[in-house]
Amino acid sequence: MLPRGPDSSARHSHPMQTAMEIRIDDLSSPAVVQLLREHLQGMTLHSPPQSIHALGLEALRKPEITFWAVWQDADLMGCAAIKQLDSGHGEIKSMRTASAHLRKGVATLLMRHILDEARHRSYRRLSLETGSAEAFAPAHRLYARFGFKPCAPFADYAEDPYSVFMTREM
């Protein structure tokens, strides 16, 4: 066994990072605005305009929507929102992980937060609409992992080959 010097453990140390923090957001931060712009641009790559249901800044500022951003220090990690459809039904909107932070647990953290919030609000059901293209497969797997199952269109949505509708009872 080789002797270990006093600094040998420091060779592999990394600067301490703070935990990811989810905060209600007013959509005024340039980083949040840019992430939502990327979200909308990403939708246009895989769906025709009439099949894109992602919301812009003004629509996300409506009173029936609660928007959260995930931060780690000064880095925006991702975002998500809940739209209250009625007193017992919410819809997940604007779920997005910043591309620099994929596969770091951001979406899982957000899903747990959204489900906790839905239970806190006494929702009986939580639903979502997402794209049907292969690019959306990771989202489909995430939602399925959290108990969401395919369903018929809900709220004001109509059947659309570019959309996948999912729901779960709370």
Protein backbone atom coordinates (compact mmCIF):
# COMPACT_ATOMS: atom_id res chain seq x y z
CA MET A 1 0.00 0.00 0.00
CA LEU A 2 1.38 3.39 -0.94
CA PRO A 3 1.40 6.09 1.68
CA ARG A 4 -1.06 8.88 1.07
CA GLY A 5 0.06 12.43 1.45
CA PRO A 6 -2.02 15.02 3.28
CA ASP A 7 -3.30 16.51 0.01
CA SER A 8 -3.97 13.27 -1.88
CA SER A 9 -7.74 13.47 -1.39
CA ALA A 10 -7.81 17.03 -2.75
CA ARG A 11 -6.67 15.91 -6.20
CA HIS A 12 -10.14 14.65 -7.04
CA SER A 13 -12.18 17.25 -5.27
CA HIS A 14 -14.47 19.59 -7.13
CA PRO A 15 -15.71 23.00 -6.09
CA MET A 16 -18.77 22.64 -3.92
CA GLN A 17 -21.99 23.22 -5.82
CA THR A 18 -25.15 24.22 -4.09
CA ALA A 19 -28.27 22.12 -4.52
CA MET A 20 -30.73 22.89 -7.27
CA GLU A 21 -33.43 25.27 -6.08
CA ILE A 22 -36.95 25.57 -7.51
CA ARG A 23 -38.47 29.05 -7.29
CA ILE A 24 -41.66 30.61 -8.55
CA ASP A 25 -40.55 32.90 -11.36
CA ASP A 26 -42.05 36.08 -12.87
CA LEU A 27 -40.54 35.38 -16.32
CA SER A 28 -38.46 38.56 -16.32
CA SER A 29 -34.96 37.09 -16.13
CA PRO A 30 -33.07 37.15 -19.46
CA ALA A 31 -31.99 33.54 -18.84
CA VAL A 32 -35.61 32.40 -18.42
CA VAL A 33 -36.71 34.37 -21.49
CA GLN A 34 -33.92 32.73 -23.53
CA LEU A 35 -34.78 29.22 -22.27
CA LEU A 36 -38.43 29.71 -23.24
CA ARG A 37 -37.34 31.01 -26.65
CA GLU A 38 -35.28 27.83 -27.12
CA HIS A 39 -38.29 25.77 -25.98
CA LEU A 40 -40.54 27.34 -28.63
CA GLN A 41 -37.84 27.03 -31.32
CA GLY A 42 -37.41 23.36 -30.43
CA MET A 43 -41.12 22.78 -30.94
CA THR A 44 -40.99 24.27 -34.45
CA LEU A 45 -38.34 21.72 -35.46
CA HIS A 46 -40.65 18.77 -34.84
CA SER A 47 -44.24 19.99 -35.21
CA PRO A 48 -46.15 22.12 -37.72
CA PRO A 49 -47.30 25.54 -36.43
CA GLN A 50 -50.94 24.49 -35.92
CA SER A 51 -49.77 21.62 -33.67
CA ILE A 52 -47.54 23.68 -31.35
CA HIS A 53 -49.20 24.29 -27.99
CA ALA A 54 -46.21 25.70 -26.09
CA LEU A 55 -47.00 29.01 -24.45
CA GLY A 56 -45.15 32.28 -24.92
CA LEU A 57 -44.19 34.71 -22.16
CA GLU A 58 -47.47 36.61 -22.00
CA ALA A 59 -49.58 33.45 -21.94
CA LEU A 60 -47.40 32.06 -19.12
CA ARG A 61 -48.03 35.21 -17.04
CA LYS A 62 -51.78 34.52 -16.77
CA PRO A 63 -53.17 34.09 -13.23
CA GLU A 64 -54.18 30.45 -13.77
CA ILE A 65 -50.52 29.53 -14.45
CA THR A 66 -47.75 29.04 -11.89
CA PHE A 67 -44.28 29.06 -13.44
CA TRP A 68 -41.13 27.74 -11.76
CA ALA A 69 -37.46 28.02 -12.66
CA VAL A 70 -34.75 25.69 -11.35
CA TRP A 71 -31.50 27.40 -10.43
CA GLN A 72 -28.14 26.16 -9.21
CA ASP A 73 -26.19 29.17 -8.09
CA ALA A 74 -26.43 31.54 -11.10
CA ASP A 75 -27.18 28.77 -13.63
CA LEU A 76 -30.72 28.32 -14.93
CA MET A 77 -31.19 24.55 -15.05
CA GLY A 78 -34.77 24.31 -16.33
CA CYS A 79 -38.38 25.35 -15.95
CA ALA A 80 -41.95 24.09 -15.79
CA ALA A 81 -45.44 25.38 -15.11
CA ILE A 82 -48.88 24.23 -14.01
CA LYS A 83 -52.00 25.64 -15.61
CA GLN A 84 -55.14 25.21 -13.52
CA LEU A 85 -57.85 23.89 -15.85
CA ASP A 86 -60.46 23.67 -13.07
CA SER A 87 -60.44 23.11 -9.31
CA GLY A 88 -59.51 19.45 -9.68
CA HIS A 89 -57.47 19.32 -12.89
CA GLY A 90 -54.08 20.82 -13.75
CA GLU A 91 -51.96 20.75 -16.88
CA ILE A 92 -48.17 20.65 -17.06
CA LYS A 93 -46.82 23.34 -19.38
CA SER A 94 -43.38 24.56 -20.51
CA MET A 95 -41.38 21.66 -19.10
CA ARG A 96 -37.82 22.23 -20.28
CA THR A 97 -34.29 21.41 -19.16
CA ALA A 98 -31.57 23.79 -20.33
CA SER A 99 -29.47 21.95 -22.93
CA ALA A 100 -26.27 22.45 -20.90
CA HIS A 101 -27.89 20.62 -17.97
CA LEU A 102 -29.48 17.56 -19.58
CA ARG A 103 -29.22 14.28 -17.65
CA LYS A 104 -28.53 15.97 -14.32
CA GLY A 105 -31.90 15.18 -12.74
CA VAL A 106 -33.57 18.53 -13.48
CA ALA A 107 -36.72 17.04 -15.06
CA THR A 108 -37.09 14.48 -12.27
CA LEU A 109 -36.77 17.22 -9.65
CA LEU A 110 -39.39 19.30 -11.48
CA MET A 111 -41.79 16.36 -11.85
CA ARG A 112 -41.62 15.62 -8.11
CA HIS A 113 -42.24 19.31 -7.38
CA ILE A 114 -45.20 19.49 -9.78
CA LEU A 115 -46.77 16.34 -8.35
CA ASP A 116 -46.34 17.66 -4.80
CA GLU A 117 -47.93 20.96 -5.84
CA ALA A 118 -50.82 19.15 -7.56
CA ARG A 119 -51.46 17.15 -4.36
CA HIS A 120 -51.21 20.34 -2.29
CA ARG A 121 -53.87 21.91 -4.55
CA SER A 122 -56.04 18.77 -4.17
CA TYR A 123 -56.09 18.13 -7.91
CA ARG A 124 -57.71 14.84 -8.83
CA ARG A 125 -55.95 14.74 -12.21
CA LEU A 126 -52.83 16.13 -13.85
CA SER A 127 -52.52 16.08 -17.65
CA LEU A 128 -50.16 17.22 -20.38
CA GLU A 129 -49.75 17.54 -24.13
CA THR A 130 -46.41 16.90 -25.79
CA GLY A 131 -45.16 16.16 -29.26
CA SER A 132 -45.36 12.79 -30.98
CA ALA A 133 -42.03 12.95 -32.90
CA GLU A 134 -39.07 10.78 -31.90
CA ALA A 135 -37.40 13.86 -30.37
CA PHE A 136 -40.07 13.78 -27.64
CA ALA A 137 -39.38 10.13 -26.67
CA PRO A 138 -37.30 11.10 -23.60
CA ALA A 139 -40.23 13.23 -22.37
CA HIS A 140 -42.67 10.36 -22.97
CA ARG A 141 -40.44 8.04 -20.91
CA LEU A 142 -40.13 10.60 -18.10
CA TYR A 143 -43.89 11.09 -17.88
CA ALA A 144 -44.56 7.33 -18.00
CA ARG A 145 -42.05 6.82 -15.19
CA PHE A 146 -44.16 9.19 -13.08
CA GLY A 147 -47.39 7.32 -13.78
CA PHE A 148 -48.76 9.26 -16.75
CA LYS A 149 -50.68 7.20 -19.30
CA PRO A 150 -51.88 8.08 -22.83
CA CYS A 151 -55.33 9.65 -22.90
CA ALA A 152 -57.77 11.40 -25.21
CA PRO A 153 -57.42 15.14 -25.82
CA PHE A 154 -58.52 17.20 -22.82
CA ALA A 155 -59.47 20.85 -22.20
CA ASP A 156 -59.51 22.67 -25.58
CA TYR A 157 -57.22 20.22 -27.40
CA ALA A 158 -58.32 18.22 -30.46
CA GLU A 159 -57.00 14.93 -31.81
CA ASP A 160 -53.73 15.65 -33.66
CA PRO A 161 -51.15 13.22 -35.08
CA TYR A 162 -48.38 15.56 -33.84
CA SER A 163 -49.63 15.50 -30.23
CA VAL A 164 -49.48 12.94 -27.45
CA PHE A 165 -51.87 13.47 -24.54
CA MET A 166 -51.10 11.95 -21.17
CA THR A 167 -52.76 12.05 -17.75
CA ARG A 168 -52.58 10.60 -14.29
CA GLU A 169 -54.92 10.52 -11.37
CA MET A 170 -53.57 11.96 -8.17
